[in-house]
Amino acid sequence: MLGRVIVIALNTYRESVRARILLGLAGVAFAVAFYSIVVGAFTLHNGARVVSDLGAATISVFSVAVAVVIGATSLYRELEQKTIFPILARPIRRGEYLVGKYLGTLLTLAVFIMADAALVLIILATMAGASLAVVTTVAVVAVAGLVLPGLKWPSAFTFGPIPWAFALLAVATVLAGNAPEERRVVLASGVLTLLEVGIIAAIATLFSAFSTPFLSALLTIWVFLIGRSADSLARLPVKTFGPLLHNLGVLLSKVFPNLQIYVPPRPLLTGEAMNGTLSSHVALALGMTVAWAVGLLATASFIFKKRDFL
């Protein structure tokens, strides 16, 4: 079972990294990360903070966009091109196939987040006084390490970014040692973003199990917006909105996942909060992600098993 799921996951990852829309989103995300340098230049002493905050926001926003796009279109593409039929004709359950698609999407998102976070950390390292020669060397080696293997082994362009992004993030983390607080913000935000898109991808997978890409994406975005507003919906004042809307807001905040825990206030990310620790918050977020992902994928598998493709 595990072997079949892994094969589907790697195949989903291969299809995702070749998609032009993913490359476009990655390009825009990297451009915004560089733009944070310009924004930070207008501040006197908070340039590094601007870069880390804007970089963390960029990682979150574009990762959600990638999760929605891939989650809503990956399964439909298989159905449209009819490549799913020879796959399901083999000894593989539909539930295994769906879980493999989800894990492949999650792997793509992990690579995307690591690469984006590494770029933000490299920018932070430069602003914190790291040697320009060292940063330039790292950048040249990173580009060469991504391009040169692909010239000899074409498959390296597909699967090479997995170890490449991990190694680049590790090096960038060391380089940004002169800005420990901002580095903590970027790394913690990256981890929480990965956990959040774990839920978003599962939601998109659920909707794609019975709907079209457009409707799946629309519904996923709708759930995302409700989840990001869960705390506000739970506290709608009765005097302003009336009891009906107040009760509806409370209901929505309880039925949908509370995604606001994945964007905690900055003091918690930097370790300055008095009412909790970052490690306990991440552990809570991880438990919530696992619970929602399992439940959503179980529901999606049940629906997908009943679906008639003909």
C-alpha atoms as a PDB file:
ATOM      1  CA  MET A   1       0.000   0.000   0.000  1.00  0.00           C
ATOM      2  CA  LEU A   2       2.674   2.492   1.024  1.00  0.00           C
ATOM      3  CA  GLY A   3       4.661   1.832  -2.137  1.00  0.00           C
ATOM      4  CA  ARG A   4       1.639   2.524  -4.348  1.00  0.00           C
ATOM      5  CA  VAL A   5       0.872   5.765  -2.503  1.00  0.00           C
ATOM      6  CA  ILE A   6       4.491   6.928  -2.860  1.00  0.00           C
ATOM      7  CA  VAL A   7       4.478   6.241  -6.597  1.00  0.00           C
ATOM      8  CA  ILE A   8       1.298   8.305  -7.046  1.00  0.00           C
ATOM      9  CA  ALA A   9       2.738  11.071  -4.843  1.00  0.00           C
ATOM     10  CA  LEU A  10       5.964  11.310  -6.859  1.00  0.00           C
ATOM     11  CA  ASN A  11       4.033  11.295 -10.106  1.00  0.00           C
ATOM     12  CA  THR A  12       1.800  14.109  -8.814  1.00  0.00           C
ATOM     13  CA  TYR A  13       4.863  16.068  -7.758  1.00  0.00           C
ATOM     14  CA  ARG A  14       6.428  15.600 -11.195  1.00  0.00           C
ATOM     15  CA  GLU A  15       3.321  16.913 -12.922  1.00  0.00           C
ATOM     16  CA  SER A  16       3.023  19.854 -10.523  1.00  0.00           C
ATOM     17  CA  VAL A  17       6.581  21.163 -10.883  1.00  0.00           C
ATOM     18  CA  ARG A  18       6.221  21.096 -14.659  1.00  0.00           C
ATOM     19  CA  ALA A  19       3.077  23.232 -14.577  1.00  0.00           C
ATOM     20  CA  ARG A  20       3.609  26.739 -15.916  1.00  0.00           C
ATOM     21  CA  ILE A  21       1.301  28.302 -13.371  1.00  0.00           C
ATOM     22  CA  LEU A  22       3.475  26.990 -10.536  1.00  0.00           C
ATOM     23  CA  LEU A  23       6.565  28.505 -12.126  1.00  0.00           C
ATOM     24  CA  GLY A  24       4.693  31.777 -12.568  1.00  0.00           C
ATOM     25  CA  LEU A  25       3.604  31.876  -8.923  1.00  0.00           C
ATOM     26  CA  ALA A  26       7.133  31.041  -7.804  1.00  0.00           C
ATOM     27  CA  GLY A  27       8.519  33.854  -9.958  1.00  0.00           C
ATOM     28  CA  VAL A  28       6.078  36.385  -8.505  1.00  0.00           C
ATOM     29  CA  ALA A  29       6.786  35.192  -4.952  1.00  0.00           C
ATOM     30  CA  PHE A  30      10.541  35.595  -5.443  1.00  0.00           C
ATOM     31  CA  ALA A  31      10.010  39.028  -7.023  1.00  0.00           C
ATOM     32  CA  VAL A  32       7.984  40.180  -4.001  1.00  0.00           C
ATOM     33  CA  ALA A  33      10.743  38.898  -1.703  1.00  0.00           C
ATOM     34  CA  PHE A  34      13.239  41.105  -3.544  1.00  0.00           C
ATOM     35  CA  TYR A  35      10.761  43.993  -3.458  1.00  0.00           C
ATOM     36  CA  SER A  36      10.843  43.823   0.332  1.00  0.00           C
ATOM     37  CA  ILE A  37      14.379  45.225   0.117  1.00  0.00           C
ATOM     38  CA  VAL A  38      12.982  48.361  -1.513  1.00  0.00           C
ATOM     39  CA  VAL A  39      10.268  48.682   1.132  1.00  0.00           C
ATOM     40  CA  GLY A  40      12.770  48.115   3.924  1.00  0.00           C
ATOM     41  CA  ALA A  41      15.023  50.831   2.524  1.00  0.00           C
ATOM     42  CA  PHE A  42      12.408  53.448   3.443  1.00  0.00           C
ATOM     43  CA  THR A  43      12.705  52.618   7.133  1.00  0.00           C
ATOM     44  CA  LEU A  44      15.512  53.894   9.316  1.00  0.00           C
ATOM     45  CA  HIS A  45      16.315  50.950  11.555  1.00  0.00           C
ATOM     46  CA  ASN A  46      13.675  48.299  10.805  1.00  0.00           C
ATOM     47  CA  GLY A  47      14.701  47.129   7.340  1.00  0.00           C
ATOM     48  CA  ALA A  48      15.325  43.551   8.487  1.00  0.00           C
ATOM     49  CA  ARG A  49      11.975  43.434  10.260  1.00  0.00           C
ATOM     50  CA  VAL A  50      10.176  44.642   7.129  1.00  0.00           C
ATOM     51  CA  VAL A  51      11.908  41.964   5.053  1.00  0.00           C
ATOM     52  CA  SER A  52      11.047  39.174   7.506  1.00  0.00           C
ATOM     53  CA  ASP A  53       7.421  40.255   7.957  1.00  0.00           C
ATOM     54  CA  LEU A  54       6.790  40.828   4.263  1.00  0.00           C
ATOM     55  CA  GLY A  55       8.676  37.660   3.389  1.00  0.00           C
ATOM     56  CA  ALA A  56       6.613  35.600   5.835  1.00  0.00           C
ATOM     57  CA  ALA A  57       3.404  37.080   4.420  1.00  0.00           C
ATOM     58  CA  THR A  58       4.579  36.314   0.896  1.00  0.00           C
ATOM     59  CA  ILE A  59       5.327  32.701   1.768  1.00  0.00           C
ATOM     60  CA  SER A  60       1.858  32.316   3.297  1.00  0.00           C
ATOM     61  CA  VAL A  61      -0.147  33.976   0.517  1.00  0.00           C
ATOM     62  CA  PHE A  62       1.560  32.310  -2.423  1.00  0.00           C
ATOM     63  CA  SER A  63       1.691  28.908  -0.736  1.00  0.00           C
ATOM     64  CA  VAL A  64      -2.082  29.045  -0.256  1.00  0.00           C
ATOM     65  CA  ALA A  65      -2.466  30.024  -3.913  1.00  0.00           C
ATOM     66  CA  VAL A  66      -0.308  27.074  -5.017  1.00  0.00           C
ATOM     67  CA  ALA A  67      -2.271  24.702  -2.762  1.00  0.00           C
ATOM     68  CA  VAL A  68      -5.585  25.861  -4.216  1.00  0.00           C
ATOM     69  CA  VAL A  69      -4.418  25.654  -7.837  1.00  0.00           C
ATOM     70  CA  ILE A  70      -2.742  22.253  -7.622  1.00  0.00           C
ATOM     71  CA  GLY A  71      -5.339  20.715  -5.324  1.00  0.00           C
ATOM     72  CA  ALA A  72      -8.233  21.853  -7.511  1.00  0.00           C
ATOM     73  CA  THR A  73      -6.741  20.900 -10.897  1.00  0.00           C
ATOM     74  CA  SER A  74      -4.524  17.852 -10.363  1.00  0.00           C
ATOM     75  CA  LEU A  75      -7.279  15.246 -10.153  1.00  0.00           C
ATOM     76  CA  TYR A  76      -9.389  16.875 -12.867  1.00  0.00           C
ATOM     77  CA  ARG A  77      -6.408  16.850 -15.228  1.00  0.00           C
ATOM     78  CA  GLU A  78      -6.078  13.092 -14.775  1.00  0.00           C
ATOM     79  CA  LEU A  79      -9.782  12.654 -15.535  1.00  0.00           C
ATOM     80  CA  GLU A  80      -9.714  15.007 -18.525  1.00  0.00           C
ATOM     81  CA  GLN A  81      -6.707  13.282 -20.095  1.00  0.00           C
ATOM     82  CA  LYS A  82      -8.106   9.863 -19.083  1.00  0.00           C
ATOM     83  CA  THR A  83      -4.755   8.849 -17.590  1.00  0.00           C
ATOM     84  CA  ILE A  84      -6.558   7.804 -14.431  1.00  0.00           C
ATOM     85  CA  PHE A  85      -8.162   4.755 -16.045  1.00  0.00           C
ATOM     86  CA  PRO A  86      -4.983   2.679 -16.618  1.00  0.00           C
ATOM     87  CA  ILE A  87      -3.860   3.638 -13.108  1.00  0.00           C
ATOM     88  CA  LEU A  88      -7.053   2.503 -11.382  1.00  0.00           C
ATOM     89  CA  ALA A  89      -7.098  -0.627 -13.559  1.00  0.00           C
ATOM     90  CA  ARG A  90      -4.075  -1.760 -11.565  1.00  0.00           C
ATOM     91  CA  PRO A  91      -4.311  -3.152  -8.023  1.00  0.00           C
ATOM     92  CA  ILE A  92      -4.680   0.241  -6.331  1.00  0.00           C
ATOM     93  CA  ARG A  93      -7.623   1.509  -4.322  1.00  0.00           C
ATOM     94  CA  ARG A  94      -9.207   4.848  -5.098  1.00  0.00           C
ATOM     95  CA  GLY A  95      -8.495   5.972  -1.548  1.00  0.00           C
ATOM     96  CA  GLU A  96      -4.801   5.191  -1.977  1.00  0.00           C
ATOM     97  CA  TYR A  97      -4.773   7.108  -5.225  1.00  0.00           C
ATOM     98  CA  LEU A  98      -6.366  10.159  -3.599  1.00  0.00           C
ATOM     99  CA  VAL A  99      -3.967  10.093  -0.648  1.00  0.00           C
ATOM    100  CA  GLY A 100      -1.042   9.852  -3.082  1.00  0.00           C
ATOM    101  CA  LYS A 101      -2.316  12.907  -4.964  1.00  0.00           C
ATOM    102  CA  TYR A 102      -2.568  14.810  -1.694  1.00  0.00           C
ATOM    103  CA  LEU A 103       0.929  13.855  -0.535  1.00  0.00           C
ATOM    104  CA  GLY A 104       2.360  14.809  -3.934  1.00  0.00           C
ATOM    105  CA  THR A 105       0.736  18.220  -3.614  1.00  0.00           C
ATOM    106  CA  LEU A 106       2.120  18.576  -0.101  1.00  0.00           C
ATOM    107  CA  LEU A 107       5.624  17.669  -1.313  1.00  0.00           C
ATOM    108  CA  THR A 108       5.400  20.349  -4.010  1.00  0.00           C
ATOM    109  CA  LEU A 109       4.315  22.899  -1.421  1.00  0.00           C
ATOM    110  CA  ALA A 110       7.154  21.927   0.920  1.00  0.00           C
ATOM    111  CA  VAL A 111       9.728  22.536  -1.830  1.00  0.00           C
ATOM    112  CA  PHE A 112       8.083  25.849  -2.714  1.00  0.00           C
ATOM    113  CA  ILE A 113       8.073  27.031   0.911  1.00  0.00           C
ATOM    114  CA  MET A 114      11.675  25.973   1.555  1.00  0.00           C
ATOM    115  CA  ALA A 115      12.932  27.769  -1.564  1.00  0.00           C
ATOM    116  CA  ASP A 116      10.996  30.945  -0.798  1.00  0.00           C
ATOM    117  CA  ALA A 117      12.051  30.949   2.870  1.00  0.00           C
ATOM    118  CA  ALA A 118      15.687  30.395   1.856  1.00  0.00           C
ATOM    119  CA  LEU A 119      15.562  33.422  -0.442  1.00  0.00           C
ATOM    120  CA  VAL A 120      14.109  35.607   2.317  1.00  0.00           C
ATOM    121  CA  LEU A 121      16.803  34.422   4.747  1.00  0.00           C
ATOM    122  CA  ILE A 122      19.561  35.175   2.225  1.00  0.00           C
ATOM    123  CA  ILE A 123      18.189  38.708   1.847  1.00  0.00           C
ATOM    124  CA  LEU A 124      18.094  39.027   5.642  1.00  0.00           C
ATOM    125  CA  ALA A 125      21.676  37.800   5.885  1.00  0.00           C
ATOM    126  CA  THR A 126      22.793  40.487   3.428  1.00  0.00           C
ATOM    127  CA  MET A 127      20.981  43.219   5.360  1.00  0.00           C
ATOM    128  CA  ALA A 128      22.394  41.936   8.666  1.00  0.00           C
ATOM    129  CA  GLY A 129      25.955  42.414   7.473  1.00  0.00           C
ATOM    130  CA  ALA A 130      26.908  39.031   6.045  1.00  0.00           C
ATOM    131  CA  SER A 131      29.871  39.054   3.691  1.00  0.00           C
ATOM    132  CA  LEU A 132      28.752  39.995   0.199  1.00  0.00           C
ATOM    133  CA  ALA A 133      31.338  37.629  -1.240  1.00  0.00           C
ATOM    134  CA  VAL A 134      29.936  34.720   0.786  1.00  0.00           C
ATOM    135  CA  VAL A 135      26.346  35.532  -0.172  1.00  0.00           C
ATOM    136  CA  THR A 136      27.304  35.851  -3.846  1.00  0.00           C
ATOM    137  CA  THR A 137      29.162  32.534  -3.720  1.00  0.00           C
ATOM    138  CA  VAL A 138      26.140  30.826  -2.165  1.00  0.00           C
ATOM    139  CA  ALA A 139      23.868  32.295  -4.847  1.00  0.00           C
ATOM    140  CA  VAL A 140      26.154  31.171  -7.687  1.00  0.00           C
ATOM    141  CA  VAL A 141      26.561  27.680  -6.225  1.00  0.00           C
ATOM    142  CA  ALA A 142      22.796  27.432  -5.689  1.00  0.00           C
ATOM    143  CA  VAL A 143      22.017  28.315  -9.306  1.00  0.00           C
ATOM    144  CA  ALA A 144      24.727  25.979 -10.583  1.00  0.00           C
ATOM    145  CA  GLY A 145      23.534  23.186  -8.309  1.00  0.00           C
ATOM    146  CA  LEU A 146      20.045  23.494  -9.746  1.00  0.00           C
ATOM    147  CA  VAL A 147      20.929  23.900 -13.434  1.00  0.00           C
ATOM    148  CA  LEU A 148      24.087  21.849 -14.093  1.00  0.00           C
ATOM    149  CA  PRO A 149      22.775  18.432 -12.931  1.00  0.00           C
ATOM    150  CA  GLY A 150      19.715  18.921 -15.137  1.00  0.00           C
ATOM    151  CA  LEU A 151      21.898  19.362 -18.206  1.00  0.00           C
ATOM    152  CA  LYS A 152      23.306  15.881 -17.737  1.00  0.00           C
ATOM    153  CA  TRP A 153      20.312  14.155 -16.162  1.00  0.00           C
ATOM    154  CA  PRO A 154      16.972  15.664 -17.317  1.00  0.00           C
ATOM    155  CA  SER A 155      15.146  14.122 -14.368  1.00  0.00           C
ATOM    156  CA  ALA A 156      17.236  16.325 -12.064  1.00  0.00           C
ATOM    157  CA  PHE A 157      15.148  19.308 -13.140  1.00  0.00           C
ATOM    158  CA  THR A 158      12.130  17.502 -11.706  1.00  0.00           C
ATOM    159  CA  PHE A 159      13.332  15.806  -8.522  1.00  0.00           C
ATOM    160  CA  GLY A 160      16.518  17.799  -7.973  1.00  0.00           C
ATOM    161  CA  PRO A 161      14.678  20.748  -6.366  1.00  0.00           C
ATOM    162  CA  ILE A 162      13.737  18.554  -3.389  1.00  0.00           C
ATOM    163  CA  PRO A 163      17.252  18.141  -1.899  1.00  0.00           C
ATOM    164  CA  TRP A 164      18.315  21.459  -3.440  1.00  0.00           C
ATOM    165  CA  ALA A 165      15.655  23.471  -1.593  1.00  0.00           C
ATOM    166  CA  PHE A 166      16.408  21.689   1.688  1.00  0.00           C
ATOM    167  CA  ALA A 167      20.161  22.293   1.378  1.00  0.00           C
ATOM    168  CA  LEU A 168      19.663  25.931   0.374  1.00  0.00           C
ATOM    169  CA  LEU A 169      17.380  26.526   3.355  1.00  0.00           C
ATOM    170  CA  ALA A 170      19.963  24.997   5.708  1.00  0.00           C
ATOM    171  CA  VAL A 171      22.754  27.202   4.327  1.00  0.00           C
ATOM    172  CA  ALA A 172      20.543  30.309   4.377  1.00  0.00           C
ATOM    173  CA  THR A 173      19.613  29.605   8.004  1.00  0.00           C
ATOM    174  CA  VAL A 174      23.284  29.629   8.957  1.00  0.00           C
ATOM    175  CA  LEU A 175      23.976  32.784   6.941  1.00  0.00           C
ATOM    176  CA  ALA A 176      21.145  34.647   8.691  1.00  0.00           C
ATOM    177  CA  GLY A 177      22.687  34.015  12.104  1.00  0.00           C
ATOM    178  CA  ASN A 178      23.339  37.742  12.567  1.00  0.00           C
ATOM    179  CA  ALA A 179      19.574  38.358  12.613  1.00  0.00           C
ATOM    180  CA  PRO A 180      18.348  35.595  14.971  1.00  0.00           C
ATOM    181  CA  GLU A 181      14.994  37.191  15.782  1.00  0.00           C
ATOM    182  CA  GLU A 182      14.020  37.776  12.165  1.00  0.00           C
ATOM    183  CA  ARG A 183      15.324  34.341  11.195  1.00  0.00           C
ATOM    184  CA  ARG A 184      13.071  32.815  13.830  1.00  0.00           C
ATOM    185  CA  VAL A 185      10.084  34.687  12.389  1.00  0.00           C
ATOM    186  CA  VAL A 186      10.743  33.429   8.842  1.00  0.00           C
ATOM    187  CA  LEU A 187      11.406  29.813   9.852  1.00  0.00           C
ATOM    188  CA  ALA A 188       8.443  29.611  12.240  1.00  0.00           C
ATOM    189  CA  SER A 189       6.148  31.202   9.669  1.00  0.00           C
ATOM    190  CA  GLY A 190       7.356  28.739   7.060  1.00  0.00           C
ATOM    191  CA  VAL A 191       6.575  25.755   9.296  1.00  0.00           C
ATOM    192  CA  LEU A 192       3.129  27.105  10.194  1.00  0.00           C
ATOM    193  CA  THR A 193       2.412  27.878   6.536  1.00  0.00           C
ATOM    194  CA  LEU A 194       3.240  24.303   5.584  1.00  0.00           C
ATOM    195  CA  LEU A 195       0.841  23.068   8.254  1.00  0.00           C
ATOM    196  CA  GLU A 196      -1.863  25.462   7.076  1.00  0.00           C
ATOM    197  CA  VAL A 197      -1.602  24.467   3.417  1.00  0.00           C
ATOM    198  CA  GLY A 198      -1.809  20.865   4.587  1.00  0.00           C
ATOM    199  CA  ILE A 199      -5.420  21.648   5.466  1.00  0.00           C
ATOM    200  CA  ILE A 200      -6.007  23.808   2.377  1.00  0.00           C
ATOM    201  CA  ALA A 201      -4.730  21.064   0.063  1.00  0.00           C
ATOM    202  CA  ALA A 202      -6.962  18.512   1.791  1.00  0.00           C
ATOM    203  CA  ILE A 203      -9.976  20.807   1.368  1.00  0.00           C
ATOM    204  CA  ALA A 204      -9.179  21.287  -2.328  1.00  0.00           C
ATOM    205  CA  THR A 205      -8.766  17.525  -2.722  1.00  0.00           C
ATOM    206  CA  LEU A 206     -12.167  16.949  -1.128  1.00  0.00           C
ATOM    207  CA  PHE A 207     -13.931  19.364  -3.473  1.00  0.00           C
ATOM    208  CA  SER A 208     -12.055  18.106  -6.538  1.00  0.00           C
ATOM    209  CA  ALA A 209     -13.298  14.590  -5.773  1.00  0.00           C
ATOM    210  CA  PHE A 210     -16.764  15.563  -6.982  1.00  0.00           C
ATOM    211  CA  SER A 211     -16.548  18.987  -8.640  1.00  0.00           C
ATOM    212  CA  THR A 212     -14.911  20.988 -11.436  1.00  0.00           C
ATOM    213  CA  PRO A 213     -11.596  22.859 -10.955  1.00  0.00           C
ATOM    214  CA  PHE A 214     -13.231  26.292 -10.968  1.00  0.00           C
ATOM    215  CA  LEU A 215     -15.860  25.385  -8.388  1.00  0.00           C
ATOM    216  CA  SER A 216     -13.304  23.464  -6.302  1.00  0.00           C
ATOM    217  CA  ALA A 217     -10.977  26.470  -6.221  1.00  0.00           C
ATOM    218  CA  LEU A 218     -13.847  28.833  -5.428  1.00  0.00           C
ATOM    219  CA  LEU A 219     -15.122  26.686  -2.558  1.00  0.00           C
ATOM    220  CA  THR A 220     -11.612  26.196  -1.190  1.00  0.00           C
ATOM    221  CA  ILE A 221     -10.964  29.944  -1.184  1.00  0.00           C
ATOM    222  CA  TRP A 222     -14.317  30.486   0.515  1.00  0.00           C
ATOM    223  CA  VAL A 223     -13.414  28.014   3.275  1.00  0.00           C
ATOM    224  CA  PHE A 224      -9.972  29.616   3.589  1.00  0.00           C
ATOM    225  CA  LEU A 225     -11.463  33.088   4.073  1.00  0.00           C
ATOM    226  CA  ILE A 226     -13.881  31.798   6.706  1.00  0.00           C
ATOM    227  CA  GLY A 227     -11.048  29.958   8.476  1.00  0.00           C
ATOM    228  CA  ARG A 228      -8.860  33.055   8.543  1.00  0.00           C
ATOM    229  CA  SER A 229     -11.792  35.026   9.998  1.00  0.00           C
ATOM    230  CA  ALA A 230     -12.903  32.382  12.501  1.00  0.00           C
ATOM    231  CA  ASP A 231     -12.047  34.355  15.641  1.00  0.00           C
ATOM    232  CA  SER A 232     -13.708  37.488  14.307  1.00  0.00           C
ATOM    233  CA  LEU A 233     -16.841  35.566  13.299  1.00  0.00           C
ATOM    234  CA  ALA A 234     -17.093  34.061  16.774  1.00  0.00           C
ATOM    235  CA  ARG A 235     -17.096  37.536  18.322  1.00  0.00           C
ATOM    236  CA  LEU A 236     -19.582  39.385  16.110  1.00  0.00           C
ATOM    237  CA  PRO A 237     -21.330  41.882  18.411  1.00  0.00           C
ATOM    238  CA  VAL A 238     -25.032  41.173  18.788  1.00  0.00           C
ATOM    239  CA  LYS A 239     -25.924  44.879  19.039  1.00  0.00           C
ATOM    240  CA  THR A 240     -24.340  45.587  15.654  1.00  0.00           C
ATOM    241  CA  PHE A 241     -25.160  42.492  13.608  1.00  0.00           C
ATOM    242  CA  GLY A 242     -28.168  41.069  15.414  1.00  0.00           C
ATOM    243  CA  PRO A 243     -28.610  37.638  17.009  1.00  0.00           C
ATOM    244  CA  LEU A 244     -29.068  35.801  13.685  1.00  0.00           C
ATOM    245  CA  LEU A 245     -25.736  36.871  12.190  1.00  0.00           C
ATOM    246  CA  HIS A 246     -24.027  36.483  15.558  1.00  0.00           C
ATOM    247  CA  ASN A 247     -25.206  32.880  15.879  1.00  0.00           C
ATOM    248  CA  LEU A 248     -24.276  32.200  12.252  1.00  0.00           C
ATOM    249  CA  GLY A 249     -20.772  33.544  12.855  1.00  0.00           C
ATOM    250  CA  VAL A 250     -20.363  31.350  15.936  1.00  0.00           C
ATOM    251  CA  LEU A 251     -21.573  28.320  13.967  1.00  0.00           C
ATOM    252  CA  LEU A 252     -19.164  28.960  11.084  1.00  0.00           C
ATOM    253  CA  SER A 253     -16.243  29.429  13.482  1.00  0.00           C
ATOM    254  CA  LYS A 254     -16.964  26.021  15.017  1.00  0.00           C
ATOM    255  CA  VAL A 255     -17.702  24.091  11.806  1.00  0.00           C
ATOM    256  CA  PHE A 256     -14.759  25.309   9.728  1.00  0.00           C
ATOM    257  CA  PRO A 257     -11.071  24.996  10.665  1.00  0.00           C
ATOM    258  CA  ASN A 258      -9.672  27.951  12.560  1.00  0.00           C
ATOM    259  CA  LEU A 259      -6.791  28.955  10.303  1.00  0.00           C
ATOM    260  CA  GLN A 260      -5.873  31.990  12.381  1.00  0.00           C
ATOM    261  CA  ILE A 261      -3.696  29.828  14.610  1.00  0.00           C
ATOM    262  CA  TYR A 262      -1.333  29.504  11.642  1.00  0.00           C
ATOM    263  CA  VAL A 263      -0.713  33.264  11.554  1.00  0.00           C
ATOM    264  CA  PRO A 264       0.045  34.045  15.205  1.00  0.00           C
ATOM    265  CA  PRO A 265       1.135  37.499  16.410  1.00  0.00           C
ATOM    266  CA  ARG A 266       4.787  38.433  15.999  1.00  0.00           C
ATOM    267  CA  PRO A 267       5.646  38.295  19.752  1.00  0.00           C
ATOM    268  CA  LEU A 268       4.817  34.581  19.764  1.00  0.00           C
ATOM    269  CA  LEU A 269       7.071  33.967  16.747  1.00  0.00           C
ATOM    270  CA  THR A 270       9.968  35.841  18.343  1.00  0.00           C
ATOM    271  CA  GLY A 271       9.521  34.182  21.750  1.00  0.00           C
ATOM    272  CA  GLU A 272       8.432  37.390  23.505  1.00  0.00           C
ATOM    273  CA  ALA A 273       4.856  36.317  24.262  1.00  0.00           C
ATOM    274  CA  MET A 274       4.022  35.818  27.930  1.00  0.00           C
ATOM    275  CA  ASN A 275       1.030  33.520  27.493  1.00  0.00           C
ATOM    276  CA  GLY A 276       2.544  30.671  25.468  1.00  0.00           C
ATOM    277  CA  THR A 277       5.585  29.246  23.738  1.00  0.00           C
ATOM    278  CA  LEU A 278       6.223  28.791  20.032  1.00  0.00           C
ATOM    279  CA  SER A 279       6.890  25.065  20.401  1.00  0.00           C
ATOM    280  CA  SER A 280       3.543  24.417  22.101  1.00  0.00           C
ATOM    281  CA  HIS A 281       1.771  26.532  19.479  1.00  0.00           C
ATOM    282  CA  VAL A 282       3.387  24.604  16.626  1.00  0.00           C
ATOM    283  CA  ALA A 283       2.479  21.313  18.328  1.00  0.00           C
ATOM    284  CA  LEU A 284      -1.154  22.451  18.574  1.00  0.00           C
ATOM    285  CA  ALA A 285      -1.134  23.511  14.929  1.00  0.00           C
ATOM    286  CA  LEU A 286       0.374  20.177  13.894  1.00  0.00           C
ATOM    287  CA  GLY A 287      -2.301  18.229  15.757  1.00  0.00           C
ATOM    288  CA  MET A 288      -5.030  20.321  14.163  1.00  0.00           C
ATOM    289  CA  THR A 289      -3.558  19.811  10.691  1.00  0.00           C
ATOM    290  CA  VAL A 290      -3.315  16.043  11.098  1.00  0.00           C
ATOM    291  CA  ALA A 291      -6.862  15.780  12.461  1.00  0.00           C
ATOM    292  CA  TRP A 292      -8.420  17.881   9.700  1.00  0.00           C
ATOM    293  CA  ALA A 293      -6.352  16.296   6.926  1.00  0.00           C
ATOM    294  CA  VAL A 294      -7.273  12.763   7.993  1.00  0.00           C
ATOM    295  CA  GLY A 295     -10.955  13.636   8.276  1.00  0.00           C
ATOM    296  CA  LEU A 296     -11.089  15.494   4.962  1.00  0.00           C
ATOM    297  CA  LEU A 297      -9.185  12.815   3.067  1.00  0.00           C
ATOM    298  CA  ALA A 298     -11.376  10.076   4.540  1.00  0.00           C
ATOM    299  CA  THR A 299     -14.463  11.968   3.358  1.00  0.00           C
ATOM    300  CA  ALA A 300     -12.906  12.618  -0.058  1.00  0.00           C
ATOM    301  CA  SER A 301     -11.988   8.941  -0.433  1.00  0.00           C
ATOM    302  CA  PHE A 302     -15.540   7.883   0.388  1.00  0.00           C
ATOM    303  CA  ILE A 303     -16.968  10.291  -2.202  1.00  0.00           C
ATOM    304  CA  PHE A 304     -14.362   9.359  -4.796  1.00  0.00           C
ATOM    305  CA  LYS A 305     -15.144   5.651  -4.400  1.00  0.00           C
ATOM    306  CA  LYS A 306     -18.800   6.328  -5.227  1.00  0.00           C
ATOM    307  CA  ARG A 307     -18.025   8.519  -8.234  1.00  0.00           C
ATOM    308  CA  ASP A 308     -18.823   7.175 -11.672  1.00  0.00           C
ATOM    309  CA  PHE A 309     -16.336   8.393 -14.303  1.00  0.00           C
ATOM    310  CA  LEU A 310     -18.260   7.101 -17.314  1.00  0.00           C
END
